[in-house]
């Protein structure tokens, strides 16, 4: 019975909380993302968030889903489409960059972030001209 209780308790705790692998974003970035989500009348898919901190620069790449801004001002945020877009925000020298779209549904899917000499490089993949996702025949 104790084993069963222990297993149930472990299943209720997120694995990243146990492993301690999730890097927290600074408060300034959290605020910028929250304001962006509100402006777009969208929701953030937090499980897809990427946080990289290196040499005094923090980069957060996050996913916005179902933006309603400009579509329906009365709609519940995040319910106006099944589209998603990846955005990047960075913090350096106490300054926040504005959100920049770096990919999304039907576009670039980011696979990595590298920070070198103050330059942020985002790498990724996208559908080629003959891939099924590209719409070409």
N, C-alpha and C. Protein backbone atom coordinates (compact mmCIF):
# COMPACT_ATOMS: atom_id res chain seq x y z
N UNK A 1 0.84 -1.20 0.00
CA UNK A 1 0.00 0.00 0.00
C UNK A 1 0.87 1.25 0.00
N UNK A 2 1.97 1.24 0.79
CA UNK A 2 2.86 2.41 0.81
C UNK A 2 3.47 2.67 -0.56
N UNK A 3 3.83 1.60 -1.24
CA UNK A 3 4.40 1.74 -2.56
C UNK A 3 3.41 2.40 -3.51
N UNK A 4 2.15 2.00 -3.45
CA UNK A 4 1.12 2.58 -4.29
C UNK A 4 0.94 4.06 -4.00
N UNK A 5 0.94 4.44 -2.73
CA UNK A 5 0.82 5.85 -2.35
C UNK A 5 2.01 6.63 -2.87
N UNK A 6 3.21 6.08 -2.75
CA UNK A 6 4.41 6.76 -3.23
C UNK A 6 4.37 6.96 -4.73
N UNK A 7 3.90 5.96 -5.46
CA UNK A 7 3.80 6.07 -6.92
C UNK A 7 2.78 7.12 -7.30
N UNK A 8 1.64 7.15 -6.65
CA UNK A 8 0.60 8.14 -6.94
C UNK A 8 1.12 9.55 -6.66
N UNK A 9 1.82 9.73 -5.56
CA UNK A 9 2.37 11.05 -5.23
C UNK A 9 3.38 11.47 -6.28
N UNK A 10 4.25 10.58 -6.71
CA UNK A 10 5.24 10.92 -7.72
C UNK A 10 4.59 11.26 -9.05
N UNK A 11 3.51 10.60 -9.40
CA UNK A 11 2.82 10.90 -10.65
C UNK A 11 2.15 12.27 -10.63
N UNK A 12 1.87 12.77 -9.47
CA UNK A 12 1.20 14.07 -9.35
C UNK A 12 2.19 15.23 -9.40
N UNK A 13 3.47 14.97 -9.21
CA UNK A 13 4.49 16.02 -9.22
C UNK A 13 5.09 16.08 -10.62
N UNK A 14 5.15 17.28 -11.23
CA UNK A 14 5.76 17.39 -12.55
C UNK A 14 7.21 16.94 -12.52
N UNK A 15 7.64 16.25 -13.57
CA UNK A 15 9.00 15.73 -13.60
C UNK A 15 10.05 16.82 -13.55
N UNK A 16 9.78 17.97 -14.16
CA UNK A 16 10.78 19.02 -14.13
C UNK A 16 10.95 19.59 -12.72
N UNK A 17 9.93 19.50 -11.88
CA UNK A 17 10.06 19.95 -10.49
C UNK A 17 10.97 19.00 -9.72
N UNK A 18 10.88 17.71 -10.03
CA UNK A 18 11.73 16.73 -9.36
C UNK A 18 13.17 16.90 -9.82
N UNK A 19 13.37 17.01 -11.12
CA UNK A 19 14.71 17.08 -11.68
C UNK A 19 15.33 18.46 -11.52
N UNK A 20 14.50 19.49 -11.37
CA UNK A 20 15.01 20.85 -11.24
C UNK A 20 15.62 21.36 -12.54
N UNK A 21 15.15 20.89 -13.68
CA UNK A 21 15.76 21.24 -14.95
C UNK A 21 15.20 22.52 -15.56
N UNK A 22 14.04 22.96 -15.17
CA UNK A 22 13.44 24.12 -15.79
C UNK A 22 14.12 25.39 -15.27
N UNK A 23 14.62 26.21 -16.18
CA UNK A 23 15.25 27.46 -15.83
C UNK A 23 14.18 28.54 -15.78
N UNK A 24 14.16 29.29 -14.71
CA UNK A 24 13.17 30.36 -14.57
C UNK A 24 13.62 31.58 -15.36
N UNK A 25 12.66 32.29 -15.91
CA UNK A 25 12.94 33.53 -16.62
C UNK A 25 12.92 34.68 -15.61
N UNK A 26 13.77 35.68 -15.80
CA UNK A 26 13.75 36.85 -14.91
C UNK A 26 12.40 37.55 -14.94
N UNK A 27 12.09 38.26 -13.88
CA UNK A 27 10.80 38.95 -13.74
C UNK A 27 10.54 39.92 -14.90
N UNK A 28 11.58 40.60 -15.39
CA UNK A 28 11.39 41.55 -16.48
C UNK A 28 10.90 40.84 -17.75
N UNK A 29 11.43 39.67 -18.01
CA UNK A 29 11.00 38.91 -19.18
C UNK A 29 9.60 38.36 -18.98
N UNK A 30 9.32 37.85 -17.79
CA UNK A 30 7.96 37.35 -17.50
C UNK A 30 6.94 38.45 -17.75
N UNK A 31 7.24 39.67 -17.31
CA UNK A 31 6.33 40.80 -17.50
C UNK A 31 6.15 41.11 -18.99
N UNK A 32 7.25 41.12 -19.75
CA UNK A 32 7.17 41.41 -21.19
C UNK A 32 6.33 40.36 -21.91
N UNK A 33 6.50 39.09 -21.55
CA UNK A 33 5.72 38.02 -22.18
C UNK A 33 4.25 38.16 -21.82
N UNK A 34 3.97 38.40 -20.55
CA UNK A 34 2.58 38.56 -20.09
C UNK A 34 1.89 39.71 -20.83
N UNK A 35 2.58 40.84 -20.98
CA UNK A 35 2.01 41.98 -21.71
C UNK A 35 1.76 41.64 -23.18
N UNK A 36 2.67 40.88 -23.77
CA UNK A 36 2.52 40.49 -25.16
C UNK A 36 1.31 39.56 -25.35
N UNK A 37 1.17 38.60 -24.44
CA UNK A 37 0.04 37.67 -24.49
C UNK A 37 -1.28 38.44 -24.37
N UNK A 38 -1.34 39.39 -23.46
CA UNK A 38 -2.55 40.20 -23.27
C UNK A 38 -2.84 41.03 -24.52
N UNK A 39 -1.80 41.66 -25.08
CA UNK A 39 -1.97 42.49 -26.28
C UNK A 39 -2.53 41.67 -27.45
N UNK A 40 -2.08 40.42 -27.59
CA UNK A 40 -2.53 39.57 -28.69
C UNK A 40 -3.84 38.84 -28.37
N UNK A 41 -4.34 38.98 -27.14
CA UNK A 41 -5.52 38.23 -26.70
C UNK A 41 -5.31 36.75 -27.00
N UNK A 42 -4.22 36.21 -26.48
CA UNK A 42 -3.83 34.85 -26.78
C UNK A 42 -3.55 34.10 -25.49
N UNK A 43 -3.00 32.91 -25.63
CA UNK A 43 -2.51 32.14 -24.49
C UNK A 43 -1.09 31.70 -24.80
N UNK A 44 -0.34 31.42 -23.76
CA UNK A 44 1.02 30.90 -23.94
C UNK A 44 1.03 29.42 -23.64
N UNK A 45 1.66 28.66 -24.50
CA UNK A 45 1.87 27.24 -24.25
C UNK A 45 3.20 27.12 -23.50
N UNK A 46 3.12 27.20 -22.16
CA UNK A 46 4.33 27.28 -21.33
C UNK A 46 5.23 26.06 -21.41
N UNK A 47 4.69 24.90 -21.70
CA UNK A 47 5.53 23.71 -21.78
C UNK A 47 6.52 23.77 -22.94
N UNK A 48 6.28 24.64 -23.90
CA UNK A 48 7.17 24.76 -25.05
C UNK A 48 8.21 25.87 -24.87
N UNK A 49 8.23 26.50 -23.72
CA UNK A 49 9.12 27.62 -23.48
C UNK A 49 10.58 27.15 -23.38
N UNK A 50 11.48 27.93 -23.98
CA UNK A 50 12.92 27.67 -23.91
C UNK A 50 13.58 28.86 -23.25
N UNK A 51 14.40 28.62 -22.23
CA UNK A 51 15.13 29.68 -21.54
C UNK A 51 16.62 29.36 -21.61
N UNK A 52 17.39 30.30 -22.14
CA UNK A 52 18.84 30.15 -22.24
C UNK A 52 19.47 31.37 -21.56
N UNK A 53 20.41 31.13 -20.66
CA UNK A 53 21.13 32.22 -19.99
C UNK A 53 22.62 31.98 -20.18
N UNK A 54 23.31 33.00 -20.71
CA UNK A 54 24.73 32.86 -20.96
C UNK A 54 25.39 34.23 -21.04
N UNK A 55 26.50 34.41 -20.37
CA UNK A 55 27.29 35.65 -20.43
C UNK A 55 26.46 36.91 -20.17
N UNK A 56 25.57 36.86 -19.20
CA UNK A 56 24.76 38.02 -18.84
C UNK A 56 23.58 38.29 -19.75
N UNK A 57 23.33 37.42 -20.70
CA UNK A 57 22.19 37.57 -21.60
C UNK A 57 21.23 36.42 -21.34
N UNK A 58 19.94 36.75 -21.22
CA UNK A 58 18.91 35.72 -21.05
C UNK A 58 17.98 35.81 -22.26
N UNK A 59 17.76 34.68 -22.91
CA UNK A 59 16.88 34.59 -24.07
C UNK A 59 15.74 33.64 -23.72
N UNK A 60 14.52 34.07 -23.99
CA UNK A 60 13.36 33.21 -23.80
C UNK A 60 12.62 33.13 -25.12
N UNK A 61 12.38 31.89 -25.57
CA UNK A 61 11.56 31.64 -26.75
C UNK A 61 10.29 30.99 -26.25
N UNK A 62 9.16 31.56 -26.66
CA UNK A 62 7.87 31.10 -26.15
C UNK A 62 6.85 31.00 -27.28
N UNK A 63 5.79 30.24 -27.01
CA UNK A 63 4.77 29.97 -28.02
C UNK A 63 3.46 30.63 -27.64
N UNK A 64 2.91 31.41 -28.58
CA UNK A 64 1.61 32.06 -28.41
C UNK A 64 0.61 31.31 -29.28
N UNK A 65 -0.53 30.98 -28.71
CA UNK A 65 -1.56 30.23 -29.43
C UNK A 65 -2.88 31.00 -29.49
N UNK A 66 -3.58 30.86 -30.61
CA UNK A 66 -4.95 31.32 -30.75
C UNK A 66 -5.18 32.80 -30.57
N UNK A 67 -4.30 33.63 -31.09
CA UNK A 67 -4.44 35.09 -30.90
C UNK A 67 -5.77 35.60 -31.44
N UNK A 68 -6.42 36.46 -30.66
CA UNK A 68 -7.72 37.02 -31.03
C UNK A 68 -7.65 38.50 -31.38
N UNK A 69 -6.52 39.17 -31.14
CA UNK A 69 -6.40 40.60 -31.39
C UNK A 69 -6.73 40.92 -32.84
N UNK A 70 -7.62 41.86 -33.04
CA UNK A 70 -8.04 42.26 -34.37
C UNK A 70 -9.07 41.34 -35.00
N UNK A 71 -9.39 40.24 -34.36
CA UNK A 71 -10.37 39.30 -34.90
C UNK A 71 -11.71 39.45 -34.19
N UNK A 72 -11.68 39.28 -32.88
CA UNK A 72 -12.90 39.36 -32.09
C UNK A 72 -12.56 39.86 -30.69
N UNK A 73 -12.81 41.13 -30.41
CA UNK A 73 -12.43 41.70 -29.10
C UNK A 73 -13.18 41.08 -27.92
N UNK A 74 -14.28 40.39 -28.17
CA UNK A 74 -15.06 39.80 -27.08
C UNK A 74 -14.74 38.32 -26.85
N UNK A 75 -13.92 37.76 -27.71
CA UNK A 75 -13.60 36.33 -27.61
C UNK A 75 -12.71 36.05 -26.40
N UNK A 76 -12.84 34.86 -25.88
CA UNK A 76 -11.97 34.42 -24.79
C UNK A 76 -10.54 34.32 -25.36
N UNK A 77 -9.55 34.91 -24.70
CA UNK A 77 -8.17 34.87 -25.21
C UNK A 77 -7.72 33.45 -25.54
N UNK A 78 -7.08 33.32 -26.70
CA UNK A 78 -6.54 32.05 -27.12
C UNK A 78 -7.49 31.15 -27.86
N UNK A 79 -8.69 31.65 -28.19
CA UNK A 79 -9.71 30.78 -28.81
C UNK A 79 -10.01 31.13 -30.26
N UNK A 80 -9.28 32.04 -30.87
CA UNK A 80 -9.67 32.52 -32.20
C UNK A 80 -9.05 31.76 -33.36
N UNK A 81 -8.16 30.86 -33.10
CA UNK A 81 -7.60 30.06 -34.19
C UNK A 81 -6.82 28.90 -33.59
N UNK A 82 -6.36 28.02 -34.46
CA UNK A 82 -5.48 26.96 -34.00
C UNK A 82 -4.05 27.24 -34.43
N UNK A 83 -3.78 28.49 -34.76
CA UNK A 83 -2.45 28.91 -35.17
C UNK A 83 -1.56 29.15 -33.95
N UNK A 84 -0.26 28.97 -34.13
CA UNK A 84 0.69 29.27 -33.08
C UNK A 84 1.92 29.92 -33.70
N UNK A 85 2.53 30.80 -32.91
CA UNK A 85 3.72 31.53 -33.36
C UNK A 85 4.73 31.49 -32.23
N UNK A 86 6.01 31.31 -32.59
CA UNK A 86 7.10 31.33 -31.62
C UNK A 86 7.71 32.74 -31.62
N UNK A 87 7.91 33.27 -30.43
CA UNK A 87 8.49 34.60 -30.26
C UNK A 87 9.73 34.50 -29.39
N UNK A 88 10.60 35.49 -29.53
CA UNK A 88 11.80 35.56 -28.72
C UNK A 88 11.87 36.92 -28.02
N UNK A 89 12.27 36.88 -26.76
CA UNK A 89 12.54 38.09 -25.98
C UNK A 89 13.89 37.87 -25.32
N UNK A 90 14.69 38.93 -25.24
CA UNK A 90 16.00 38.81 -24.60
C UNK A 90 16.18 39.92 -23.58
N UNK A 91 16.98 39.62 -22.56
CA UNK A 91 17.33 40.59 -21.52
C UNK A 91 18.84 40.69 -21.49
N UNK A 92 19.35 41.93 -21.66
CA UNK A 92 20.78 42.18 -21.60
C UNK A 92 20.99 43.58 -21.05
N UNK A 93 21.88 43.71 -20.08
CA UNK A 93 22.16 45.01 -19.46
C UNK A 93 20.88 45.70 -18.98
N UNK A 94 19.98 44.94 -18.39
CA UNK A 94 18.71 45.43 -17.84
C UNK A 94 17.78 46.00 -18.90
N UNK A 95 18.00 45.64 -20.16
CA UNK A 95 17.13 46.07 -21.24
C UNK A 95 16.47 44.87 -21.87
N UNK A 96 15.18 45.01 -22.17
CA UNK A 96 14.39 43.95 -22.80
C UNK A 96 14.22 44.27 -24.28
N UNK A 97 14.45 43.28 -25.12
CA UNK A 97 14.14 43.47 -26.54
C UNK A 97 12.64 43.28 -26.73
N UNK A 98 12.03 43.95 -27.67
CA UNK A 98 10.61 43.70 -27.94
C UNK A 98 10.44 42.28 -28.48
N UNK A 99 9.26 41.68 -28.31
CA UNK A 99 9.04 40.33 -28.84
C UNK A 99 9.26 40.31 -30.36
N UNK A 100 10.00 39.32 -30.82
CA UNK A 100 10.26 39.14 -32.24
C UNK A 100 9.77 37.76 -32.65
N UNK A 101 8.95 37.71 -33.70
CA UNK A 101 8.48 36.42 -34.21
C UNK A 101 9.65 35.70 -34.87
N UNK A 102 9.85 34.44 -34.50
CA UNK A 102 10.96 33.68 -35.08
C UNK A 102 10.50 32.42 -35.80
N UNK A 103 9.21 32.15 -35.82
CA UNK A 103 8.72 30.96 -36.50
C UNK A 103 7.31 30.64 -36.05
N UNK A 104 6.85 29.48 -36.45
CA UNK A 104 5.51 29.08 -36.04
C UNK A 104 4.91 28.07 -36.97
N UNK A 105 3.61 27.93 -36.86
CA UNK A 105 2.85 26.96 -37.63
C UNK A 105 3.06 27.20 -39.13
N UNK A 106 3.65 26.25 -39.82
CA UNK A 106 3.89 26.39 -41.24
C UNK A 106 5.18 27.11 -41.58
N UNK A 107 5.93 27.56 -40.58
CA UNK A 107 7.19 28.26 -40.81
C UNK A 107 8.34 27.57 -40.11
N UNK A 108 9.28 28.33 -39.66
CA UNK A 108 10.46 27.80 -38.98
C UNK A 108 10.09 27.17 -37.65
N UNK A 109 10.62 26.00 -37.38
CA UNK A 109 10.53 25.37 -36.05
C UNK A 109 11.92 25.44 -35.45
N UNK A 110 12.07 26.24 -34.39
CA UNK A 110 13.40 26.42 -33.81
C UNK A 110 13.87 25.13 -33.14
N UNK A 111 15.15 24.86 -33.30
CA UNK A 111 15.74 23.65 -32.71
C UNK A 111 16.91 23.97 -31.78
N UNK A 112 17.38 25.20 -31.80
CA UNK A 112 18.50 25.54 -30.93
C UNK A 112 18.72 27.04 -30.85
N UNK A 113 19.39 27.45 -29.76
CA UNK A 113 19.74 28.85 -29.55
C UNK A 113 21.20 28.89 -29.12
N UNK A 114 21.97 29.80 -29.72
CA UNK A 114 23.36 29.97 -29.34
C UNK A 114 23.60 31.46 -29.11
N UNK A 115 24.30 31.77 -28.03
CA UNK A 115 24.65 33.16 -27.72
C UNK A 115 26.17 33.25 -27.79
N UNK A 116 26.68 34.15 -28.64
CA UNK A 116 28.12 34.30 -28.80
C UNK A 116 28.45 35.76 -29.08
N UNK A 117 29.29 36.34 -28.26
CA UNK A 117 29.70 37.75 -28.41
C UNK A 117 28.51 38.69 -28.52
N UNK A 118 27.47 38.44 -27.73
CA UNK A 118 26.30 39.31 -27.71
C UNK A 118 25.34 39.09 -28.87
N UNK A 119 25.63 38.10 -29.71
CA UNK A 119 24.76 37.80 -30.85
C UNK A 119 23.97 36.54 -30.53
N UNK A 120 22.66 36.61 -30.75
CA UNK A 120 21.78 35.47 -30.50
C UNK A 120 21.48 34.82 -31.85
N UNK A 121 21.81 33.54 -31.96
CA UNK A 121 21.58 32.79 -33.19
C UNK A 121 20.55 31.70 -32.92
N UNK A 122 19.44 31.77 -33.64
CA UNK A 122 18.39 30.77 -33.52
C UNK A 122 18.45 29.88 -34.75
N UNK A 123 18.59 28.59 -34.54
CA UNK A 123 18.60 27.65 -35.66
C UNK A 123 17.30 26.86 -35.66
N UNK A 124 16.97 26.31 -36.81
CA UNK A 124 15.73 25.55 -36.88
C UNK A 124 15.56 24.86 -38.21
N UNK A 125 14.39 24.29 -38.38
CA UNK A 125 14.06 23.60 -39.62
C UNK A 125 12.72 24.12 -40.13
N UNK A 126 12.51 23.98 -41.41
CA UNK A 126 11.23 24.35 -42.01
C UNK A 126 10.94 23.39 -43.16
N UNK A 127 9.71 23.39 -43.58
CA UNK A 127 9.31 22.51 -44.68
C UNK A 127 9.95 22.98 -45.98
N UNK A 128 10.44 22.02 -46.74
CA UNK A 128 11.02 22.32 -48.04
C UNK A 128 9.95 22.40 -49.11
N UNK A 129 10.30 22.79 -50.32
CA UNK A 129 9.31 22.98 -51.38
C UNK A 129 8.57 21.70 -51.77
N UNK A 130 9.17 20.53 -51.54
CA UNK A 130 8.53 19.28 -51.90
C UNK A 130 7.97 18.52 -50.71
N UNK A 131 8.06 19.10 -49.50
CA UNK A 131 7.50 18.44 -48.31
C UNK A 131 5.98 18.55 -48.32
N UNK A 132 5.34 17.57 -47.73
CA UNK A 132 3.87 17.56 -47.68
C UNK A 132 3.32 18.79 -46.98
N UNK A 133 4.01 19.30 -45.97
CA UNK A 133 3.52 20.46 -45.21
C UNK A 133 3.59 21.76 -45.99
N UNK A 134 4.35 21.78 -47.09
CA UNK A 134 4.52 23.02 -47.83
C UNK A 134 3.35 23.35 -48.75
N UNK A 135 2.50 22.37 -49.02
CA UNK A 135 1.36 22.60 -49.89
C UNK A 135 1.67 22.42 -51.36
N UNK A 136 2.94 22.16 -51.70
CA UNK A 136 3.33 21.94 -53.10
C UNK A 136 3.00 20.51 -53.51
N UNK A 137 2.87 20.32 -54.81
CA UNK A 137 2.60 18.97 -55.34
C UNK A 137 3.71 18.55 -56.27
